[in-house]
Amino acid sequence: MVAVTIRNLSDEAHRALKVRAAQHNRSAEAEMRAILEAAVRPEGRVRLGTALQEIGRKHDITNADIEALEQVRDTRPAEPMKFE
C-alpha cells in the first residue's frame, strides 16, 4: 500500500472532511480514500472486457467464430523488428 501526505489543506476543508466522514460513519482517512477512489475510478468508466463483449454482441461473434480464428492463426513466435 502507498502512503500519501496532503500538505497545506485548509482548516475549512479539513473540518468539512471530518463532517463528511462522520456522516458516512468513517474515519477522516477512510473518507479520503473513498473520495480518491471515486475520483480516479468512476463507476461509469469503460472496462476493456465489457467493451470487447459489447463489440462481440454487436457483430454477432460466437464462440465458434473465435475457435475458427484460433485454428487458422499463425502460432509461430513473432520475429523481432530490425532497425538497420
PDB file of N, CA and C in Angstrom:
ATOM      1  N   MET A   1       0.828  -1.181   0.000  1.00  0.00           N
ATOM      2  CA  MET A   1       0.000   0.000   0.000  1.00  0.00           C
ATOM      3  C   MET A   1       0.874   1.247   0.000  1.00  0.00           C
ATOM      4  N   VAL A   2       0.394   2.273  -0.613  1.00  0.00           N
ATOM      5  CA  VAL A   2       1.103   3.532  -0.712  1.00  0.00           C
ATOM      6  C   VAL A   2       0.560   4.491   0.335  1.00  0.00           C
ATOM      7  N   ALA A   3       1.428   5.240   0.957  1.00  0.00           N
ATOM      8  CA  ALA A   3       1.017   6.281   1.899  1.00  0.00           C
ATOM      9  C   ALA A   3       1.112   7.627   1.200  1.00  0.00           C
ATOM     10  N   VAL A   4       0.123   8.476   1.404  1.00  0.00           N
ATOM     11  CA  VAL A   4       0.082   9.789   0.775  1.00  0.00           C
ATOM     12  C   VAL A   4      -0.051  10.845   1.863  1.00  0.00           C
ATOM     13  N   THR A   5       0.712  11.915   1.735  1.00  0.00           N
ATOM     14  CA  THR A   5       0.611  13.044   2.653  1.00  0.00           C
ATOM     15  C   THR A   5       0.021  14.226   1.902  1.00  0.00           C
ATOM     16  N   ILE A   6      -0.969  14.869   2.497  1.00  0.00           N
ATOM     17  CA  ILE A   6      -1.582  16.047   1.880  1.00  0.00           C
ATOM     18  C   ILE A   6      -1.168  17.254   2.708  1.00  0.00           C
ATOM     19  N   ARG A   7      -0.403  18.130   2.084  1.00  0.00           N
ATOM     20  CA  ARG A   7       0.080  19.326   2.781  1.00  0.00           C
ATOM     21  C   ARG A   7      -0.801  20.524   2.434  1.00  0.00           C
ATOM     22  N   ASN A   8      -0.794  21.488   3.312  1.00  0.00           N
ATOM     23  CA  ASN A   8      -1.447  22.787   3.095  1.00  0.00           C
ATOM     24  C   ASN A   8      -2.944  22.672   2.854  1.00  0.00           C
ATOM     25  N   LEU A   9      -3.587  21.702   3.474  1.00  0.00           N
ATOM     26  CA  LEU A   9      -5.035  21.590   3.412  1.00  0.00           C
ATOM     27  C   LEU A   9      -5.619  22.642   4.345  1.00  0.00           C
ATOM     28  N   SER A  10      -6.554  23.415   3.855  1.00  0.00           N
ATOM     29  CA  SER A  10      -7.115  24.484   4.685  1.00  0.00           C
ATOM     30  C   SER A  10      -7.885  23.897   5.862  1.00  0.00           C
ATOM     31  N   ASP A  11      -7.982  24.684   6.927  1.00  0.00           N
ATOM     32  CA  ASP A  11      -8.730  24.247   8.111  1.00  0.00           C
ATOM     33  C   ASP A  11     -10.192  23.980   7.751  1.00  0.00           C
ATOM     34  N   GLU A  12     -10.739  24.806   6.866  1.00  0.00           N
ATOM     35  CA  GLU A  12     -12.141  24.637   6.460  1.00  0.00           C
ATOM     36  C   GLU A  12     -12.349  23.316   5.734  1.00  0.00           C
ATOM     37  N   ALA A  13     -11.418  22.990   4.839  1.00  0.00           N
ATOM     38  CA  ALA A  13     -11.524  21.726   4.103  1.00  0.00           C
ATOM     39  C   ALA A  13     -11.374  20.547   5.055  1.00  0.00           C
ATOM     40  N   HIS A  14     -10.475  20.664   6.015  1.00  0.00           N
ATOM     41  CA  HIS A  14     -10.278  19.585   6.977  1.00  0.00           C
ATOM     42  C   HIS A  14     -11.518  19.368   7.828  1.00  0.00           C
ATOM     43  N   ARG A  15     -12.125  20.475   8.282  1.00  0.00           N
ATOM     44  CA  ARG A  15     -13.368  20.345   9.066  1.00  0.00           C
ATOM     45  C   ARG A  15     -14.477  19.728   8.220  1.00  0.00           C
ATOM     46  N   ALA A  16     -14.608  20.172   6.981  1.00  0.00           N
ATOM     47  CA  ALA A  16     -15.646  19.633   6.099  1.00  0.00           C
ATOM     48  C   ALA A  16     -15.420  18.150   5.844  1.00  0.00           C
ATOM     49  N   LEU A  17     -14.171  17.766   5.718  1.00  0.00           N
ATOM     50  CA  LEU A  17     -13.840  16.357   5.519  1.00  0.00           C
ATOM     51  C   LEU A  17     -14.247  15.529   6.733  1.00  0.00           C
ATOM     52  N   LYS A  18     -13.966  16.049   7.918  1.00  0.00           N
ATOM     53  CA  LYS A  18     -14.344  15.337   9.141  1.00  0.00           C
ATOM     54  C   LYS A  18     -15.861  15.212   9.269  1.00  0.00           C
ATOM     55  N   VAL A  19     -16.587  16.264   8.890  1.00  0.00           N
ATOM     56  CA  VAL A  19     -18.055  16.216   8.928  1.00  0.00           C
ATOM     57  C   VAL A  19     -18.566  15.178   7.944  1.00  0.00           C
ATOM     58  N   ARG A  20     -18.020  15.216   6.741  1.00  0.00           N
ATOM     59  CA  ARG A  20     -18.438  14.247   5.721  1.00  0.00           C
ATOM     60  C   ARG A  20     -18.133  12.819   6.161  1.00  0.00           C
ATOM     61  N   ALA A  21     -16.971  12.614   6.767  1.00  0.00           N
ATOM     62  CA  ALA A  21     -16.599  11.285   7.250  1.00  0.00           C
ATOM     63  C   ALA A  21     -17.579  10.816   8.321  1.00  0.00           C
ATOM     64  N   ALA A  22     -17.943  11.715   9.227  1.00  0.00           N
ATOM     65  CA  ALA A  22     -18.894  11.359  10.289  1.00  0.00           C
ATOM     66  C   ALA A  22     -20.254  10.996   9.699  1.00  0.00           C
ATOM     67  N   GLN A  23     -20.665  11.705   8.662  1.00  0.00           N
ATOM     68  CA  GLN A  23     -21.949  11.400   8.006  1.00  0.00           C
ATOM     69  C   GLN A  23     -21.947  10.011   7.385  1.00  0.00           C
ATOM     70  N   HIS A  24     -20.781   9.557   6.967  1.00  0.00           N
ATOM     71  CA  HIS A  24     -20.662   8.228   6.350  1.00  0.00           C
ATOM     72  C   HIS A  24     -20.169   7.174   7.335  1.00  0.00           C
ATOM     73  N   ASN A  25     -20.094   7.541   8.614  1.00  0.00           N
ATOM     74  CA  ASN A  25     -19.634   6.624   9.670  1.00  0.00           C
ATOM     75  C   ASN A  25     -18.246   6.053   9.377  1.00  0.00           C
ATOM     76  N   ARG A  26     -17.335   6.944   8.934  1.00  0.00           N
ATOM     77  CA  ARG A  26     -15.967   6.533   8.636  1.00  0.00           C
ATOM     78  C   ARG A  26     -14.999   7.493   9.313  1.00  0.00           C
ATOM     79  N   SER A  27     -13.755   7.079   9.360  1.00  0.00           N
ATOM     80  CA  SER A  27     -12.694   7.978   9.816  1.00  0.00           C
ATOM     81  C   SER A  27     -12.395   8.965   8.689  1.00  0.00           C
ATOM     82  N   ALA A  28     -11.710  10.042   9.033  1.00  0.00           N
ATOM     83  CA  ALA A  28     -11.323  11.015   8.006  1.00  0.00           C
ATOM     84  C   ALA A  28     -10.418  10.354   6.965  1.00  0.00           C
ATOM     85  N   GLU A  29      -9.542   9.480   7.413  1.00  0.00           N
ATOM     86  CA  GLU A  29      -8.649   8.780   6.484  1.00  0.00           C
ATOM     87  C   GLU A  29      -9.429   7.878   5.532  1.00  0.00           C
ATOM     88  N   ALA A  30     -10.400   7.150   6.060  1.00  0.00           N
ATOM     89  CA  ALA A  30     -11.227   6.284   5.207  1.00  0.00           C
ATOM     90  C   ALA A  30     -12.049   7.121   4.233  1.00  0.00           C
ATOM     91  N   GLU A  31     -12.507   8.273   4.677  1.00  0.00           N
ATOM     92  CA  GLU A  31     -13.274   9.159   3.796  1.00  0.00           C
ATOM     93  C   GLU A  31     -12.395   9.671   2.658  1.00  0.00           C
ATOM     94  N   MET A  32     -11.148  10.028   2.968  1.00  0.00           N
ATOM     95  CA  MET A  32     -10.224  10.480   1.919  1.00  0.00           C
ATOM     96  C   MET A  32      -9.971   9.375   0.903  1.00  0.00           C
ATOM     97  N   ARG A  33      -9.824   8.147   1.382  1.00  0.00           N
ATOM     98  CA  ARG A  33      -9.624   7.024   0.455  1.00  0.00           C
ATOM     99  C   ARG A  33     -10.835   6.868  -0.451  1.00  0.00           C
ATOM    100  N   ALA A  34     -12.022   6.962   0.125  1.00  0.00           N
ATOM    101  CA  ALA A  34     -13.244   6.814  -0.669  1.00  0.00           C
ATOM    102  C   ALA A  34     -13.362   7.921  -1.714  1.00  0.00           C
ATOM    103  N   ILE A  35     -13.034   9.138  -1.319  1.00  0.00           N
ATOM    104  CA  ILE A  35     -13.096  10.267  -2.257  1.00  0.00           C
ATOM    105  C   ILE A  35     -12.110  10.071  -3.403  1.00  0.00           C
ATOM    106  N   LEU A  36     -10.885   9.674  -3.074  1.00  0.00           N
ATOM    107  CA  LEU A  36      -9.875   9.467  -4.111  1.00  0.00           C
ATOM    108  C   LEU A  36     -10.244   8.314  -5.042  1.00  0.00           C
ATOM    109  N   GLU A  37     -10.730   7.216  -4.468  1.00  0.00           N
ATOM    110  CA  GLU A  37     -11.152   6.078  -5.301  1.00  0.00           C
ATOM    111  C   GLU A  37     -12.258   6.488  -6.261  1.00  0.00           C
ATOM    112  N   ALA A  38     -13.234   7.229  -5.771  1.00  0.00           N
ATOM    113  CA  ALA A  38     -14.350   7.662  -6.627  1.00  0.00           C
ATOM    114  C   ALA A  38     -13.872   8.609  -7.721  1.00  0.00           C
ATOM    115  N   ALA A  39     -12.876   9.421  -7.409  1.00  0.00           N
ATOM    116  CA  ALA A  39     -12.374  10.387  -8.389  1.00  0.00           C
ATOM    117  C   ALA A  39     -11.589   9.720  -9.508  1.00  0.00           C
ATOM    118  N   VAL A  40     -10.788   8.728  -9.170  1.00  0.00           N
ATOM    119  CA  VAL A  40      -9.926   8.130 -10.198  1.00  0.00           C
ATOM    120  C   VAL A  40     -10.502   6.864 -10.811  1.00  0.00           C
ATOM    121  N   ARG A  41     -11.515   6.296 -10.188  1.00  0.00           N
ATOM    122  CA  ARG A  41     -12.142   5.086 -10.721  1.00  0.00           C
ATOM    123  C   ARG A  41     -13.658   5.259 -10.744  1.00  0.00           C
ATOM    124  N   PRO A  42     -14.160   6.157 -11.600  1.00  0.00           N
ATOM    125  CA  PRO A  42     -15.607   6.411 -11.623  1.00  0.00           C
ATOM    126  C   PRO A  42     -16.394   5.180 -12.042  1.00  0.00           C
ATOM    127  N   GLU A  43     -17.619   5.106 -11.552  1.00  0.00           N
ATOM    128  CA  GLU A  43     -18.462   3.933 -11.828  1.00  0.00           C
ATOM    129  C   GLU A  43     -18.773   3.781 -13.316  1.00  0.00           C
ATOM    130  N   GLY A  44     -18.904   4.893 -14.028  1.00  0.00           N
ATOM    131  CA  GLY A  44     -19.288   4.833 -15.432  1.00  0.00           C
ATOM    132  C   GLY A  44     -18.136   4.588 -16.380  1.00  0.00           C
ATOM    133  N   ARG A  45     -16.963   4.230 -15.847  1.00  0.00           N
ATOM    134  CA  ARG A  45     -15.807   4.053 -16.724  1.00  0.00           C
ATOM    135  C   ARG A  45     -16.004   2.823 -17.614  1.00  0.00           C
ATOM    136  N   VAL A  46     -15.406   2.873 -18.767  1.00  0.00           N
ATOM    137  CA  VAL A  46     -15.490   1.754 -19.702  1.00  0.00           C
ATOM    138  C   VAL A  46     -14.397   0.763 -19.344  1.00  0.00           C
ATOM    139  N   ARG A  47     -14.785  -0.453 -19.133  1.00  0.00           N
ATOM    140  CA  ARG A  47     -13.816  -1.507 -18.849  1.00  0.00           C
ATOM    141  C   ARG A  47     -13.559  -2.278 -20.132  1.00  0.00           C
ATOM    142  N   LEU A  48     -12.323  -2.697 -20.318  1.00  0.00           N
ATOM    143  CA  LEU A  48     -11.914  -3.347 -21.559  1.00  0.00           C
ATOM    144  C   LEU A  48     -12.743  -4.586 -21.850  1.00  0.00           C
ATOM    145  N   GLY A  49     -12.916  -5.458 -20.854  1.00  0.00           N
ATOM    146  CA  GLY A  49     -13.686  -6.685 -21.074  1.00  0.00           C
ATOM    147  C   GLY A  49     -15.114  -6.394 -21.476  1.00  0.00           C
ATOM    148  N   THR A  50     -15.716  -5.412 -20.839  1.00  0.00           N
ATOM    149  CA  THR A  50     -17.097  -5.033 -21.161  1.00  0.00           C
ATOM    150  C   THR A  50     -17.172  -4.480 -22.574  1.00  0.00           C
ATOM    151  N   ALA A  51     -16.202  -3.641 -22.947  1.00  0.00           N
ATOM    152  CA  ALA A  51     -16.188  -3.068 -24.291  1.00  0.00           C
ATOM    153  C   ALA A  51     -16.041  -4.160 -25.352  1.00  0.00           C
ATOM    154  N   LEU A  52     -15.152  -5.122 -25.112  1.00  0.00           N
ATOM    155  CA  LEU A  52     -14.976  -6.218 -26.074  1.00  0.00           C
ATOM    156  C   LEU A  52     -16.225  -7.080 -26.165  1.00  0.00           C
ATOM    157  N   GLN A  53     -16.862  -7.307 -25.042  1.00  0.00           N
ATOM    158  CA  GLN A  53     -18.090  -8.097 -25.029  1.00  0.00           C
ATOM    159  C   GLN A  53     -19.187  -7.400 -25.846  1.00  0.00           C
ATOM    160  N   GLU A  54     -19.304  -6.085 -25.703  1.00  0.00           N
ATOM    161  CA  GLU A  54     -20.301  -5.335 -26.465  1.00  0.00           C
ATOM    162  C   GLU A  54     -20.021  -5.386 -27.960  1.00  0.00           C
ATOM    163  N   ILE A  55     -18.744  -5.319 -28.333  1.00  0.00           N
ATOM    164  CA  ILE A  55     -18.379  -5.405 -29.749  1.00  0.00           C
ATOM    165  C   ILE A  55     -18.773  -6.776 -30.296  1.00  0.00           C
ATOM    166  N   GLY A  56     -18.477  -7.831 -29.529  1.00  0.00           N
ATOM    167  CA  GLY A  56     -18.848  -9.179 -29.954  1.00  0.00           C
ATOM    168  C   GLY A  56     -20.339  -9.343 -30.145  1.00  0.00           C
ATOM    169  N   ARG A  57     -21.111  -8.802 -29.218  1.00  0.00           N
ATOM    170  CA  ARG A  57     -22.576  -8.896 -29.341  1.00  0.00           C
ATOM    171  C   ARG A  57     -23.088  -8.098 -30.530  1.00  0.00           C
ATOM    172  N   LYS A  58     -22.522  -6.898 -30.723  1.00  0.00           N
ATOM    173  CA  LYS A  58     -22.958  -6.030 -31.822  1.00  0.00           C
ATOM    174  C   LYS A  58     -22.760  -6.708 -33.172  1.00  0.00           C
ATOM    175  N   HIS A  59     -21.674  -7.468 -33.295  1.00  0.00           N
ATOM    176  CA  HIS A  59     -21.344  -8.100 -34.570  1.00  0.00           C
ATOM    177  C   HIS A  59     -21.666  -9.599 -34.592  1.00  0.00           C
ATOM    178  N   ASP A  60     -22.432 -10.060 -33.616  1.00  0.00           N
ATOM    179  CA  ASP A  60     -22.868 -11.459 -33.536  1.00  0.00           C
ATOM    180  C   ASP A  60     -21.701 -12.449 -33.614  1.00  0.00           C
ATOM    181  N   ILE A  61     -20.641 -12.183 -32.885  1.00  0.00           N
ATOM    182  CA  ILE A  61     -19.493 -13.084 -32.855  1.00  0.00           C
ATOM    183  C   ILE A  61     -19.767 -14.172 -31.819  1.00  0.00           C
ATOM    184  N   THR A  62     -19.611 -15.409 -32.237  1.00  0.00           N
ATOM    185  CA  THR A  62     -19.884 -16.538 -31.348  1.00  0.00           C
ATOM    186  C   THR A  62     -18.586 -17.236 -30.960  1.00  0.00           C
ATOM    187  N   ASN A  63     -18.700 -18.165 -30.039  1.00  0.00           N
ATOM    188  CA  ASN A  63     -17.528 -18.956 -29.658  1.00  0.00           C
ATOM    189  C   ASN A  63     -17.005 -19.756 -30.843  1.00  0.00           C
ATOM    190  N   ALA A  64     -17.903 -20.206 -31.710  1.00  0.00           N
ATOM    191  CA  ALA A  64     -17.493 -20.947 -32.906  1.00  0.00           C
ATOM    192  C   ALA A  64     -16.626 -20.062 -33.808  1.00  0.00           C
ATOM    193  N   ASP A  65     -16.976 -18.779 -33.901  1.00  0.00           N
ATOM    194  CA  ASP A  65     -16.163 -17.854 -34.698  1.00  0.00           C
ATOM    195  C   ASP A  65     -14.759 -17.721 -34.114  1.00  0.00           C
ATOM    196  N   ILE A  66     -14.674 -17.610 -32.809  1.00  0.00           N
ATOM    197  CA  ILE A  66     -13.383 -17.481 -32.145  1.00  0.00           C
ATOM    198  C   ILE A  66     -12.562 -18.747 -32.341  1.00  0.00           C
ATOM    199  N   GLU A  67     -13.193 -19.907 -32.230  1.00  0.00           N
ATOM    200  CA  GLU A  67     -12.496 -21.185 -32.432  1.00  0.00           C
ATOM    201  C   GLU A  67     -11.981 -21.300 -33.851  1.00  0.00           C
ATOM    202  N   ALA A  68     -12.752 -20.843 -34.824  1.00  0.00           N
ATOM    203  CA  ALA A  68     -12.318 -20.887 -36.220  1.00  0.00           C
ATOM    204  C   ALA A  68     -11.092 -19.991 -36.420  1.00  0.00           C
ATOM    205  N   LEU A  69     -11.084 -18.840 -35.799  1.00  0.00           N
ATOM    206  CA  LEU A  69      -9.926 -17.947 -35.897  1.00  0.00           C
ATOM    207  C   LEU A  69      -8.697 -18.577 -35.259  1.00  0.00           C
ATOM    208  N   GLU A  70      -8.887 -19.230 -34.137  1.00  0.00           N
ATOM    209  CA  GLU A  70      -7.763 -19.879 -33.452  1.00  0.00           C
ATOM    210  C   GLU A  70      -7.141 -20.978 -34.309  1.00  0.00           C
ATOM    211  N   GLN A  71      -7.966 -21.671 -35.100  1.00  0.00           N
ATOM    212  CA  GLN A  71      -7.459 -22.768 -35.925  1.00  0.00           C
ATOM    213  C   GLN A  71      -6.580 -22.270 -37.068  1.00  0.00           C
ATOM    214  N   VAL A  72      -6.854 -21.099 -37.602  1.00  0.00           N
ATOM    215  CA  VAL A  72      -6.084 -20.591 -38.742  1.00  0.00           C
ATOM    216  C   VAL A  72      -5.013 -19.580 -38.323  1.00  0.00           C
ATOM    217  N   ARG A  73      -4.951 -19.270 -37.064  1.00  0.00           N
ATOM    218  CA  ARG A  73      -3.989 -18.287 -36.565  1.00  0.00           C
ATOM    219  C   ARG A  73      -2.567 -18.823 -36.660  1.00  0.00           C
ATOM    220  N   ASP A  74      -1.656 -17.959 -37.049  1.00  0.00           N
ATOM    221  CA  ASP A  74      -0.239 -18.314 -37.120  1.00  0.00           C
ATOM    222  C   ASP A  74       0.301 -18.368 -35.693  1.00  0.00           C
ATOM    223  N   THR A  75       0.757 -19.532 -35.252  1.00  0.00           N
ATOM    224  CA  THR A  75       1.214 -19.693 -33.875  1.00  0.00           C
ATOM    225  C   THR A  75       2.731 -19.589 -33.726  1.00  0.00           C
ATOM    226  N   ARG A  76       3.414 -19.303 -34.833  1.00  0.00           N
ATOM    227  CA  ARG A  76       4.865 -19.139 -34.745  1.00  0.00           C
ATOM    228  C   ARG A  76       5.194 -17.872 -33.968  1.00  0.00           C
ATOM    229  N   PRO A  77       6.274 -17.889 -33.203  1.00  0.00           N
ATOM    230  CA  PRO A  77       6.667 -16.664 -32.490  1.00  0.00           C
ATOM    231  C   PRO A  77       6.997 -15.552 -33.482  1.00  0.00           C
ATOM    232  N   ALA A  78       6.669 -14.347 -33.119  1.00  0.00           N
ATOM    233  CA  ALA A  78       6.957 -13.205 -33.987  1.00  0.00           C
ATOM    234  C   ALA A  78       8.457 -12.957 -34.038  1.00  0.00           C
ATOM    235  N   GLU A  79       8.917 -12.531 -35.197  1.00  0.00           N
ATOM    236  CA  GLU A  79      10.321 -12.176 -35.356  1.00  0.00           C
ATOM    237  C   GLU A  79      10.513 -10.763 -34.817  1.00  0.00           C
ATOM    238  N   PRO A  80      11.600 -10.534 -34.092  1.00  0.00           N
ATOM    239  CA  PRO A  80      11.849  -9.184 -33.578  1.00  0.00           C
ATOM    240  C   PRO A  80      12.076  -8.209 -34.728  1.00  0.00           C
ATOM    241  N   MET A  81      11.679  -6.961 -34.506  1.00  0.00           N
ATOM    242  CA  MET A  81      11.880  -5.937 -35.521  1.00  0.00           C
ATOM    243  C   MET A  81      13.364  -5.609 -35.632  1.00  0.00           C
ATOM    244  N   LYS A  82      13.798  -5.272 -36.855  1.00  0.00           N
ATOM    245  CA  LYS A  82      15.181  -4.879 -37.091  1.00  0.00           C
ATOM    246  C   LYS A  82      15.187  -3.437 -37.568  1.00  0.00           C
ATOM    247  N   PHE A  83      16.030  -2.639 -36.937  1.00  0.00           N
ATOM    248  CA  PHE A  83      16.094  -1.228 -37.279  1.00  0.00           C
ATOM    249  C   PHE A  83      17.419  -0.875 -37.925  1.00  0.00           C
ATOM    250  N   GLU A  84      17.834  -1.671 -38.858  1.00  0.00           N
ATOM    251  CA  GLU A  84      19.129  -1.448 -39.505  1.00  0.00           C
ATOM    252  C   GLU A  84      18.942  -0.777 -40.830  1.00  0.00           C
TER     253      GLU A  84
END
